[in-house]
C-alpha atoms as a PDB file:
ATOM      1  CA  UNK A   1       0.000   0.000   0.000  1.00  0.00           C
ATOM      2  CA  UNK A   2       1.446   3.371  -0.995  1.00  0.00           C
ATOM      3  CA  UNK A   3       1.902   6.135   1.646  1.00  0.00           C
ATOM      4  CA  UNK A   4      -1.115   8.186   0.494  1.00  0.00           C
ATOM      5  CA  UNK A   5      -3.385   5.150   0.571  1.00  0.00           C
ATOM      6  CA  UNK A   6      -2.070   4.302   4.043  1.00  0.00           C
ATOM      7  CA  UNK A   7      -2.935   7.789   5.316  1.00  0.00           C
ATOM      8  CA  UNK A   8      -6.430   7.617   3.797  1.00  0.00           C
ATOM      9  CA  UNK A   9      -7.006   4.152   5.240  1.00  0.00           C
ATOM     10  CA  UNK A  10      -5.804   5.232   8.695  1.00  0.00           C
ATOM     11  CA  UNK A  11      -8.033   8.324   8.675  1.00  0.00           C
ATOM     12  CA  UNK A  12     -11.046   6.204   7.662  1.00  0.00           C
ATOM     13  CA  UNK A  13     -10.308   3.710  10.426  1.00  0.00           C
ATOM     14  CA  UNK A  14     -10.048   6.521  12.969  1.00  0.00           C
ATOM     15  CA  UNK A  15     -13.365   7.990  11.849  1.00  0.00           C
ATOM     16  CA  UNK A  16     -15.004   4.590  12.099  1.00  0.00           C
ATOM     17  CA  UNK A  17     -13.623   4.005  15.585  1.00  0.00           C
ATOM     18  CA  UNK A  18     -14.988   7.344  16.810  1.00  0.00           C
ATOM     19  CA  UNK A  19     -18.310   7.138  14.969  1.00  0.00           C
ATOM     20  CA  UNK A  20     -20.019   5.942  18.116  1.00  0.00           C
ATOM     21  CA  UNK A  21     -19.993   8.687  20.695  1.00  0.00           C
ATOM     22  CA  UNK A  22     -20.958   7.528  24.170  1.00  0.00           C
ATOM     23  CA  UNK A  23     -24.176   8.917  25.590  1.00  0.00           C
ATOM     24  CA  UNK A  24     -23.441  10.689  28.869  1.00  0.00           C
ATOM     25  CA  UNK A  25     -26.024  11.700  31.465  1.00  0.00           C
ATOM     26  CA  UNK A  26     -25.609  13.326  34.896  1.00  0.00           C
ATOM     27  CA  UNK A  27     -27.876  13.304  37.962  1.00  0.00           C
ATOM     28  CA  UNK A  28     -27.357  15.420  41.090  1.00  0.00           C
ATOM     29  CA  UNK A  29     -28.205  13.591  44.335  1.00  0.00           C
ATOM     30  CA  UNK A  30     -28.911  15.029  47.782  1.00  0.00           C
ATOM     31  CA  UNK A  31     -26.317  13.445  50.061  1.00  0.00           C
ATOM     32  CA  UNK A  32     -26.941  15.573  53.139  1.00  0.00           C
ATOM     33  CA  UNK A  33     -26.326  19.045  54.470  1.00  0.00           C
ATOM     34  CA  UNK A  34     -24.107  20.608  57.104  1.00  0.00           C
ATOM     35  CA  UNK A  35     -25.209  23.621  59.114  1.00  0.00           C
ATOM     36  CA  UNK A  36     -22.155  25.802  59.764  1.00  0.00           C
ATOM     37  CA  UNK A  37     -22.528  28.154  62.745  1.00  0.00           C
ATOM     38  CA  UNK A  38     -19.148  29.872  62.148  1.00  0.00           C
ATOM     39  CA  UNK A  39     -18.364  30.214  58.447  1.00  0.00           C
ATOM     40  CA  UNK A  40     -15.000  31.863  59.173  1.00  0.00           C
ATOM     41  CA  UNK A  41     -13.663  28.336  59.827  1.00  0.00           C
ATOM     42  CA  UNK A  42     -13.528  28.012  56.049  1.00  0.00           C
ATOM     43  CA  UNK A  43     -11.422  31.128  55.465  1.00  0.00           C
ATOM     44  CA  UNK A  44      -7.979  32.103  56.750  1.00  0.00           C
ATOM     45  CA  UNK A  45      -8.347  35.612  55.291  1.00  0.00           C
ATOM     46  CA  UNK A  46     -10.754  36.796  58.033  1.00  0.00           C
ATOM     47  CA  UNK A  47     -13.755  36.684  55.739  1.00  0.00           C
ATOM     48  CA  UNK A  48     -17.213  35.546  56.885  1.00  0.00           C
ATOM     49  CA  UNK A  49     -16.665  36.296  60.587  1.00  0.00           C
ATOM     50  CA  UNK A  50     -19.977  35.941  62.401  1.00  0.00           C
ATOM     51  CA  UNK A  51     -21.700  34.379  59.382  1.00  0.00           C
ATOM     52  CA  UNK A  52     -23.692  31.162  59.330  1.00  0.00           C
ATOM     53  CA  UNK A  53     -24.555  29.039  56.311  1.00  0.00           C
ATOM     54  CA  UNK A  54     -25.964  25.647  55.414  1.00  0.00           C
ATOM     55  CA  UNK A  55     -23.600  23.760  53.122  1.00  0.00           C
ATOM     56  CA  UNK A  56     -24.989  21.169  50.751  1.00  0.00           C
ATOM     57  CA  UNK A  57     -23.455  17.709  50.460  1.00  0.00           C
ATOM     58  CA  UNK A  58     -24.040  16.690  46.856  1.00  0.00           C
ATOM     59  CA  UNK A  59     -23.225  13.446  45.051  1.00  0.00           C
ATOM     60  CA  UNK A  60     -23.545  12.635  41.361  1.00  0.00           C
ATOM     61  CA  UNK A  61     -24.433   9.689  39.151  1.00  0.00           C
ATOM     62  CA  UNK A  62     -22.866   9.647  35.705  1.00  0.00           C
ATOM     63  CA  UNK A  63     -24.188   7.287  33.021  1.00  0.00           C
ATOM     64  CA  UNK A  64     -21.753   6.469  30.219  1.00  0.00           C
ATOM     65  CA  UNK A  65     -23.894   4.442  27.828  1.00  0.00           C
ATOM     66  CA  UNK A  66     -24.845   1.505  30.107  1.00  0.00           C
ATOM     67  CA  UNK A  67     -21.988   2.012  32.592  1.00  0.00           C
ATOM     68  CA  UNK A  68     -22.682   3.920  35.817  1.00  0.00           C
ATOM     69  CA  UNK A  69     -20.314   5.880  38.019  1.00  0.00           C
ATOM     70  CA  UNK A  70     -21.040   7.483  41.384  1.00  0.00           C
ATOM     71  CA  UNK A  71     -19.053  10.612  42.234  1.00  0.00           C
ATOM     72  CA  UNK A  72     -18.737  11.009  46.017  1.00  0.00           C
ATOM     73  CA  UNK A  73     -20.741   9.062  48.584  1.00  0.00           C
ATOM     74  CA  UNK A  74     -22.022  11.748  50.931  1.00  0.00           C
ATOM     75  CA  UNK A  75     -22.673  11.765  54.644  1.00  0.00           C
ATOM     76  CA  UNK A  76     -22.947   8.467  56.554  1.00  0.00           C
ATOM     77  CA  UNK A  77     -26.328   6.700  56.519  1.00  0.00           C
ATOM     78  CA  UNK A  78     -26.209   6.773  60.327  1.00  0.00           C
ATOM     79  CA  UNK A  79     -27.097  10.480  60.078  1.00  0.00           C
ATOM     80  CA  UNK A  80     -30.390   9.705  58.318  1.00  0.00           C
ATOM     81  CA  UNK A  81     -33.044  11.874  59.953  1.00  0.00           C
ATOM     82  CA  UNK A  82     -30.562  13.215  62.526  1.00  0.00           C
ATOM     83  CA  UNK A  83     -31.669  16.317  64.398  1.00  0.00           C
ATOM     84  CA  UNK A  84     -29.278  19.230  64.176  1.00  0.00           C
ATOM     85  CA  UNK A  85     -27.203  19.683  67.317  1.00  0.00           C
ATOM     86  CA  UNK A  86     -27.816  23.317  68.344  1.00  0.00           C
ATOM     87  CA  UNK A  87     -24.502  23.472  70.229  1.00  0.00           C
ATOM     88  CA  UNK A  88     -22.291  22.123  67.412  1.00  0.00           C
ATOM     89  CA  UNK A  89     -20.232  24.406  65.174  1.00  0.00           C
ATOM     90  CA  UNK A  90     -20.786  21.913  62.339  1.00  0.00           C
ATOM     91  CA  UNK A  91     -24.109  20.064  62.416  1.00  0.00           C
ATOM     92  CA  UNK A  92     -24.663  17.420  59.688  1.00  0.00           C
ATOM     93  CA  UNK A  93     -27.881  15.620  58.770  1.00  0.00           C
ATOM     94  CA  UNK A  94     -29.139  13.374  55.982  1.00  0.00           C
ATOM     95  CA  UNK A  95     -32.675  13.343  54.565  1.00  0.00           C
ATOM     96  CA  UNK A  96     -32.421  10.406  52.136  1.00  0.00           C
ATOM     97  CA  UNK A  97     -29.747   7.781  51.475  1.00  0.00           C
ATOM     98  CA  UNK A  98     -28.178   7.113  48.085  1.00  0.00           C
ATOM     99  CA  UNK A  99     -29.788   3.690  47.371  1.00  0.00           C
ATOM    100  CA  UNK A 100     -33.250   5.224  47.892  1.00  0.00           C
ATOM    101  CA  UNK A 101     -32.485   7.940  45.361  1.00  0.00           C
ATOM    102  CA  UNK A 102     -31.017   5.467  42.889  1.00  0.00           C
ATOM    103  CA  UNK A 103     -34.273   3.509  43.020  1.00  0.00           C
ATOM    104  CA  UNK A 104     -36.130   6.639  41.937  1.00  0.00           C
ATOM    105  CA  UNK A 105     -34.256   6.574  38.624  1.00  0.00           C
ATOM    106  CA  UNK A 106     -34.517   2.812  38.221  1.00  0.00           C
ATOM    107  CA  UNK A 107     -31.030   1.893  39.406  1.00  0.00           C
ATOM    108  CA  UNK A 108     -29.789  -0.651  41.939  1.00  0.00           C
ATOM    109  CA  UNK A 109     -26.584  -0.114  43.941  1.00  0.00           C
ATOM    110  CA  UNK A 110     -24.952  -3.094  42.229  1.00  0.00           C
ATOM    111  CA  UNK A 111     -25.214  -1.316  38.865  1.00  0.00           C
ATOM    112  CA  UNK A 112     -22.614   1.232  40.012  1.00  0.00           C
ATOM    113  CA  UNK A 113     -19.337  -0.041  38.556  1.00  0.00           C
ATOM    114  CA  UNK A 114     -17.102   2.887  39.537  1.00  0.00           C
ATOM    115  CA  UNK A 115     -17.087   4.892  42.752  1.00  0.00           C
ATOM    116  CA  UNK A 116     -15.097   8.085  42.278  1.00  0.00           C
ATOM    117  CA  UNK A 117     -14.219   9.867  45.523  1.00  0.00           C
ATOM    118  CA  UNK A 118     -13.039  13.475  45.434  1.00  0.00           C
ATOM    119  CA  UNK A 119     -11.244  13.076  48.753  1.00  0.00           C
ATOM    120  CA  UNK A 120     -11.178  11.039  51.930  1.00  0.00           C
ATOM    121  CA  UNK A 121     -13.283  13.099  54.371  1.00  0.00           C
ATOM    122  CA  UNK A 122     -16.270  11.439  56.052  1.00  0.00           C
ATOM    123  CA  UNK A 123     -18.839  13.621  54.267  1.00  0.00           C
ATOM    124  CA  UNK A 124     -17.636  12.317  50.878  1.00  0.00           C
ATOM    125  CA  UNK A 125     -17.196   8.601  51.691  1.00  0.00           C
ATOM    126  CA  UNK A 126     -19.998   8.142  54.225  1.00  0.00           C
ATOM    127  CA  UNK A 127     -22.130   5.751  52.144  1.00  0.00           C
ATOM    128  CA  UNK A 128     -19.361   4.127  50.113  1.00  0.00           C
ATOM    129  CA  UNK A 129     -19.930   0.707  51.671  1.00  0.00           C
ATOM    130  CA  UNK A 130     -23.279   0.420  49.849  1.00  0.00           C
ATOM    131  CA  UNK A 131     -21.185  -0.191  46.693  1.00  0.00           C
ATOM    132  CA  UNK A 132     -18.567  -2.899  47.430  1.00  0.00           C
ATOM    133  CA  UNK A 133     -18.818  -4.222  43.857  1.00  0.00           C
ATOM    134  CA  UNK A 134     -17.599  -0.894  42.464  1.00  0.00           C
ATOM    135  CA  UNK A 135     -13.987  -0.019  41.730  1.00  0.00           C
ATOM    136  CA  UNK A 136     -12.983   2.686  44.215  1.00  0.00           C
ATOM    137  CA  UNK A 137     -11.227   5.503  42.342  1.00  0.00           C
ATOM    138  CA  UNK A 138      -9.429   7.838  44.743  1.00  0.00           C
ATOM    139  CA  UNK A 139      -6.262   9.906  44.876  1.00  0.00           C
ATOM    140  CA  UNK A 140      -3.347   7.696  45.926  1.00  0.00           C
ATOM    141  CA  UNK A 141      -2.210  10.147  48.603  1.00  0.00           C
ATOM    142  CA  UNK A 142      -5.699  10.186  50.133  1.00  0.00           C
ATOM    143  CA  UNK A 143      -5.871   6.395  50.137  1.00  0.00           C
ATOM    144  CA  UNK A 144      -2.607   6.301  52.075  1.00  0.00           C
ATOM    145  CA  UNK A 145      -4.065   8.595  54.744  1.00  0.00           C
ATOM    146  CA  UNK A 146      -6.675   5.975  55.651  1.00  0.00           C
ATOM    147  CA  UNK A 147      -3.793   3.926  57.037  1.00  0.00           C
ATOM    148  CA  UNK A 148      -2.306   6.798  59.053  1.00  0.00           C
ATOM    149  CA  UNK A 149      -1.595   6.804  62.772  1.00  0.00           C
ATOM    150  CA  UNK A 150      -2.869   9.151  63.977  1.00  0.00           C
ATOM    151  CA  UNK A 151      -5.594   9.606  61.391  1.00  0.00           C
ATOM    152  CA  UNK A 152      -5.886  13.049  59.785  1.00  0.00           C
ATOM    153  CA  UNK A 153      -8.839  15.376  60.320  1.00  0.00           C
ATOM    154  CA  UNK A 154     -12.225  13.919  59.201  1.00  0.00           C
ATOM    155  CA  UNK A 155     -10.702  10.624  57.954  1.00  0.00           C
ATOM    156  CA  UNK A 156     -12.302   7.354  59.127  1.00  0.00           C
ATOM    157  CA  UNK A 157     -11.188   4.083  57.481  1.00  0.00           C
ATOM    158  CA  UNK A 158     -14.386   2.294  58.566  1.00  0.00           C
ATOM    159  CA  UNK A 159     -16.252   3.914  55.682  1.00  0.00           C
ATOM    160  CA  UNK A 160     -14.132   2.184  53.017  1.00  0.00           C
ATOM    161  CA  UNK A 161     -13.540  -1.102  54.872  1.00  0.00           C
ATOM    162  CA  UNK A 162     -14.423  -3.366  51.880  1.00  0.00           C
ATOM    163  CA  UNK A 163     -11.560  -1.832  49.882  1.00  0.00           C
ATOM    164  CA  UNK A 164      -9.037  -1.602  52.704  1.00  0.00           C
ATOM    165  CA  UNK A 165      -9.677  -5.263  53.572  1.00  0.00           C
ATOM    166  CA  UNK A 166      -8.764  -6.255  50.030  1.00  0.00           C
ATOM    167  CA  UNK A 167     -12.188  -7.634  49.125  1.00  0.00           C
ATOM    168  CA  UNK A 168     -13.024  -4.851  46.677  1.00  0.00           C
ATOM    169  CA  UNK A 169     -11.069  -3.318  43.799  1.00  0.00           C
ATOM    170  CA  UNK A 170      -9.131  -0.076  44.283  1.00  0.00           C
ATOM    171  CA  UNK A 171      -7.764   2.236  41.599  1.00  0.00           C
ATOM    172  CA  UNK A 172      -5.353   4.615  43.352  1.00  0.00           C
ATOM    173  CA  UNK A 173      -4.959   7.641  41.071  1.00  0.00           C
ATOM    174  CA  UNK A 174      -1.954   9.875  40.552  1.00  0.00           C
ATOM    175  CA  UNK A 175      -2.421  12.822  38.198  1.00  0.00           C
ATOM    176  CA  UNK A 176      -5.448  13.030  35.904  1.00  0.00           C
ATOM    177  CA  UNK A 177      -7.458  10.014  34.766  1.00  0.00           C
ATOM    178  CA  UNK A 178      -9.649   9.595  31.678  1.00  0.00           C
ATOM    179  CA  UNK A 179     -12.247   7.325  33.296  1.00  0.00           C
ATOM    180  CA  UNK A 180     -13.797   5.732  30.189  1.00  0.00           C
ATOM    181  CA  UNK A 181     -10.963   6.379  27.736  1.00  0.00           C
ATOM    182  CA  UNK A 182     -12.923   8.714  25.463  1.00  0.00           C
ATOM    183  CA  UNK A 183     -12.505  12.096  27.178  1.00  0.00           C
ATOM    184  CA  UNK A 184     -16.118  12.365  28.345  1.00  0.00           C
ATOM    185  CA  UNK A 185     -15.367  11.909  32.061  1.00  0.00           C
ATOM    186  CA  UNK A 186     -12.023  12.956  33.522  1.00  0.00           C
ATOM    187  CA  UNK A 187     -10.838  12.895  37.121  1.00  0.00           C
ATOM    188  CA  UNK A 188      -8.606  15.948  37.645  1.00  0.00           C
ATOM    189  CA  UNK A 189      -5.780  16.222  40.156  1.00  0.00           C
ATOM    190  CA  UNK A 190      -6.564  19.246  42.363  1.00  0.00           C
ATOM    191  CA  UNK A 191      -4.651  18.762  45.645  1.00  0.00           C
ATOM    192  CA  UNK A 192      -4.631  21.129  48.581  1.00  0.00           C
ATOM    193  CA  UNK A 193      -7.719  20.452  50.656  1.00  0.00           C
ATOM    194  CA  UNK A 194      -6.253  16.975  51.057  1.00  0.00           C
ATOM    195  CA  UNK A 195      -3.042  15.659  49.460  1.00  0.00           C
ATOM    196  CA  UNK A 196      -4.944  13.559  46.913  1.00  0.00           C
ATOM    197  CA  UNK A 197      -7.967  15.811  46.320  1.00  0.00           C
ATOM    198  CA  UNK A 198      -9.582  15.475  42.887  1.00  0.00           C
ATOM    199  CA  UNK A 199     -12.311  17.144  40.849  1.00  0.00           C
ATOM    200  CA  UNK A 200     -14.386  15.802  37.964  1.00  0.00           C
ATOM    201  CA  UNK A 201     -14.899  17.060  34.416  1.00  0.00           C
ATOM    202  CA  UNK A 202     -18.000  15.688  32.675  1.00  0.00           C
ATOM    203  CA  UNK A 203     -18.589  16.610  29.026  1.00  0.00           C
ATOM    204  CA  UNK A 204     -22.308  16.594  28.226  1.00  0.00           C
ATOM    205  CA  UNK A 205     -23.557  16.828  24.638  1.00  0.00           C
ATOM    206  CA  UNK A 206     -26.421  19.265  25.293  1.00  0.00           C
ATOM    207  CA  UNK A 207     -25.520  21.023  28.559  1.00  0.00           C
ATOM    208  CA  UNK A 208     -21.818  21.360  27.809  1.00  0.00           C
ATOM    209  CA  UNK A 209     -18.864  20.642  30.110  1.00  0.00           C
ATOM    210  CA  UNK A 210     -19.553  20.417  33.852  1.00  0.00           C
ATOM    211  CA  UNK A 211     -16.788  20.800  36.475  1.00  0.00           C
ATOM    212  CA  UNK A 212     -17.522  19.240  39.865  1.00  0.00           C
ATOM    213  CA  UNK A 213     -15.230  20.875  42.409  1.00  0.00           C
ATOM    214  CA  UNK A 214     -14.813  18.318  45.154  1.00  0.00           C
ATOM    215  CA  UNK A 215     -13.686  20.493  48.061  1.00  0.00           C
ATOM    216  CA  UNK A 216     -11.221  22.707  46.192  1.00  0.00           C
ATOM    217  CA  UNK A 217     -13.674  25.344  47.434  1.00  0.00           C
ATOM    218  CA  UNK A 218     -16.696  25.051  49.714  1.00  0.00           C
ATOM    219  CA  UNK A 219     -18.558  28.064  48.315  1.00  0.00           C
ATOM    220  CA  UNK A 220     -18.105  30.410  45.369  1.00  0.00           C
ATOM    221  CA  UNK A 221     -16.775  33.389  47.340  1.00  0.00           C
ATOM    222  CA  UNK A 222     -13.568  31.504  48.122  1.00  0.00           C
ATOM    223  CA  UNK A 223     -12.468  31.814  44.500  1.00  0.00           C
ATOM    224  CA  UNK A 224     -12.671  35.595  44.838  1.00  0.00           C
ATOM    225  CA  UNK A 225     -11.300  36.205  48.333  1.00  0.00           C
ATOM    226  CA  UNK A 226      -8.797  33.316  48.286  1.00  0.00           C
ATOM    227  CA  UNK A 227      -9.948  32.206  51.705  1.00  0.00           C
ATOM    228  CA  UNK A 228      -8.626  28.741  52.568  1.00  0.00           C
ATOM    229  CA  UNK A 229      -9.832  26.602  55.497  1.00  0.00           C
ATOM    230  CA  UNK A 230      -7.250  26.312  58.252  1.00  0.00           C
ATOM    231  CA  UNK A 231      -7.708  22.537  58.221  1.00  0.00           C
ATOM    232  CA  UNK A 232      -6.610  22.184  54.585  1.00  0.00           C
ATOM    233  CA  UNK A 233      -3.534  20.065  53.898  1.00  0.00           C
ATOM    234  CA  UNK A 234      -1.641  22.691  51.875  1.00  0.00           C
ATOM    235  CA  UNK A 235      -2.613  26.327  51.298  1.00  0.00           C
ATOM    236  CA  UNK A 236      -0.454  26.945  48.219  1.00  0.00           C
ATOM    237  CA  UNK A 237      -1.706  23.785  46.512  1.00  0.00           C
ATOM    238  CA  UNK A 238      -5.289  24.790  47.311  1.00  0.00           C
ATOM    239  CA  UNK A 239      -4.828  28.152  45.601  1.00  0.00           C
ATOM    240  CA  UNK A 240      -3.139  26.502  42.615  1.00  0.00           C
ATOM    241  CA  UNK A 241      -6.061  24.086  42.296  1.00  0.00           C
ATOM    242  CA  UNK A 242      -8.519  26.985  42.457  1.00  0.00           C
ATOM    243  CA  UNK A 243      -6.605  28.589  39.581  1.00  0.00           C
ATOM    244  CA  UNK A 244      -6.656  25.340  37.640  1.00  0.00           C
ATOM    245  CA  UNK A 245     -10.415  24.886  37.958  1.00  0.00           C
ATOM    246  CA  UNK A 246     -11.258  28.471  37.023  1.00  0.00           C
ATOM    247  CA  UNK A 247      -8.808  28.241  34.125  1.00  0.00           C
ATOM    248  CA  UNK A 248     -10.400  25.042  32.814  1.00  0.00           C
ATOM    249  CA  UNK A 249     -13.868  26.532  33.221  1.00  0.00           C
ATOM    250  CA  UNK A 250     -12.831  29.549  31.140  1.00  0.00           C
ATOM    251  CA  UNK A 251     -11.023  27.547  28.463  1.00  0.00           C
ATOM    252  CA  UNK A 252     -13.864  25.062  27.967  1.00  0.00           C
ATOM    253  CA  UNK A 253     -16.724  27.440  28.754  1.00  0.00           C
ATOM    254  CA  UNK A 254     -17.633  24.907  31.428  1.00  0.00           C
ATOM    255  CA  UNK A 255     -20.115  25.277  34.267  1.00  0.00           C
ATOM    256  CA  UNK A 256     -18.214  25.097  37.566  1.00  0.00           C
ATOM    257  CA  UNK A 257     -20.239  23.490  40.350  1.00  0.00           C
ATOM    258  CA  UNK A 258     -19.002  23.975  43.918  1.00  0.00           C
ATOM    259  CA  UNK A 259     -20.440  20.848  45.490  1.00  0.00           C
ATOM    260  CA  UNK A 260     -21.107  22.369  48.924  1.00  0.00           C
ATOM    261  CA  UNK A 261     -22.693  25.577  47.596  1.00  0.00           C
ATOM    262  CA  UNK A 262     -26.504  25.529  47.302  1.00  0.00           C
ATOM    263  CA  UNK A 263     -26.441  28.277  44.660  1.00  0.00           C
ATOM    264  CA  UNK A 264     -23.994  26.319  42.533  1.00  0.00           C
ATOM    265  CA  UNK A 265     -25.641  22.923  42.601  1.00  0.00           C
ATOM    266  CA  UNK A 266     -28.881  24.652  41.582  1.00  0.00           C
ATOM    267  CA  UNK A 267     -27.232  25.229  38.188  1.00  0.00           C
ATOM    268  CA  UNK A 268     -28.014  21.562  37.513  1.00  0.00           C
ATOM    269  CA  UNK A 269     -31.507  20.055  37.202  1.00  0.00           C
ATOM    270  CA  UNK A 270     -33.184  19.083  40.465  1.00  0.00           C
ATOM    271  CA  UNK A 271     -33.341  15.341  41.061  1.00  0.00           C
ATOM    272  CA  UNK A 272     -34.728  13.129  39.577  1.00  0.00           C
ATOM    273  CA  UNK A 273     -34.234  15.179  36.390  1.00  0.00           C
ATOM    274  CA  UNK A 274     -30.869  14.817  34.687  1.00  0.00           C
ATOM    275  CA  UNK A 275     -28.498  16.842  32.567  1.00  0.00           C
ATOM    276  CA  UNK A 276     -27.412  15.520  29.162  1.00  0.00           C
END
């Protein structure tokens, strides 16, 4: 075959291989809320002193053709129906667990094949054990922290016991990861809040690109005032990750969703509606 014919053949083969574009769909789940009585805890720049706010705890289901991924696993099911402690600085509660919400869209927990976790804090892994058949996808540095002594702030290995015991599959991620190999869903390395913190880029055909923040920020104002929680792992890395997310959002004209910000998650359809 001459060189020109080879090029033509290769181009045709490439077009054929990409002719099928995966159908991607995104649902936003309610995975709890946290009433914050002193919002200044989330800013080391003396912003929000004396302010209170209720932070959302959102999780997401992503359908890639007939493959399902859960992004973050919310507050523990033990907080279901919990009354808010009036004396606590941070008071979490959960109205509905993840399996109940999955049933509303015709899914069973065992259909979740991938469990992507933005980071290792209890409010993002709380219901992970409902999905032991799923491959746990988590930043390698965050996975290591589950084995720490003493354990870091908000890290409890009991929530991912099936994976730590070796009975469930773990994919420890370093850097970025193209989840399905076609660029539609990408786990992004955004360390700072924790050493292995990640965010998620989902490219939807109709809605456009969606950026799910993890805890790079807890509410939109942090991008403007550069306030960083004192309990973050690394301040400089947090700020660099903020810059990365806002840069990606600008370059791709993506919608940035801060997962703990009620105003931000409202940019997506209310469950059980989905974004495509």
